[in-house]
Amino acid sequence: MLTDVTLAVLGVLAVAAGGAVFTVDSMARATYALLASFLAVAGIVLTLDLTYLAVVTALMMTMEMAIMGVFMVMFMMNPGGLMPMTMMHNTRGAAAVGVAVFALLTTGIWTIDWPDARGRPSRDSTHQLAEALMGSHMLVMVVVAAALFATIIAGTVLATHRGRYDRFGPNLDARPPRDPIPGGLPR
């Protein structure tokens, strides 16, 4: 009974937070609404006793949304929603596509001839899931991690107005340095 109530509450929270992504007037708020939706889904997965998958989902989505929030503050002209904006474009077309895809997937789910389960479940489902997720894809995950890190560094460099050596000029030979605020370092 408690599990059913928990699943229902988390499901409603996930859908409500997902809907909030399209109703708030700020990209930053939309990012955190999406994070709330993903965390509710992680809670659902945790309630279903899939601890490893729940923790991976929570950690991955939290970091992804935090990075996205930082990029929004750096590059968006209205990250805090100080000016009204809308997150919805072509609402009729999007609704039509959404209804069509929902109908197609629902029809597929109910009409497909699902195979019967074979064999026995693994004794250690966490190890089996980790092997399925990371076994043959470890190189891809390492490359993606390096690419994300490089993107964070590049975004920070691009967002910085000037670096610590800009005051020495393009060839680093300006003596004395051209400080934007005169006076040098306090002694």
Foldseek 3Di string as FASTA:
>chain_A
DVLVVLLVVLVVLLVVLCVVLQVDFAPLSSLVSNLSNQLSVLSNCVSVVPPVVSVCSNVVSVVVSVLVLVLCVLPPPQHPRPDGDGPDDPVVVVVVVVVVVVVVVVCCVVPDDDDDDDDDDDPDVNVVVCCVVCVVCVVVVVVVVVVVVVVSVVSVVVSDPDDPQPQCPPVNPDPPGNDPDPDPDDD
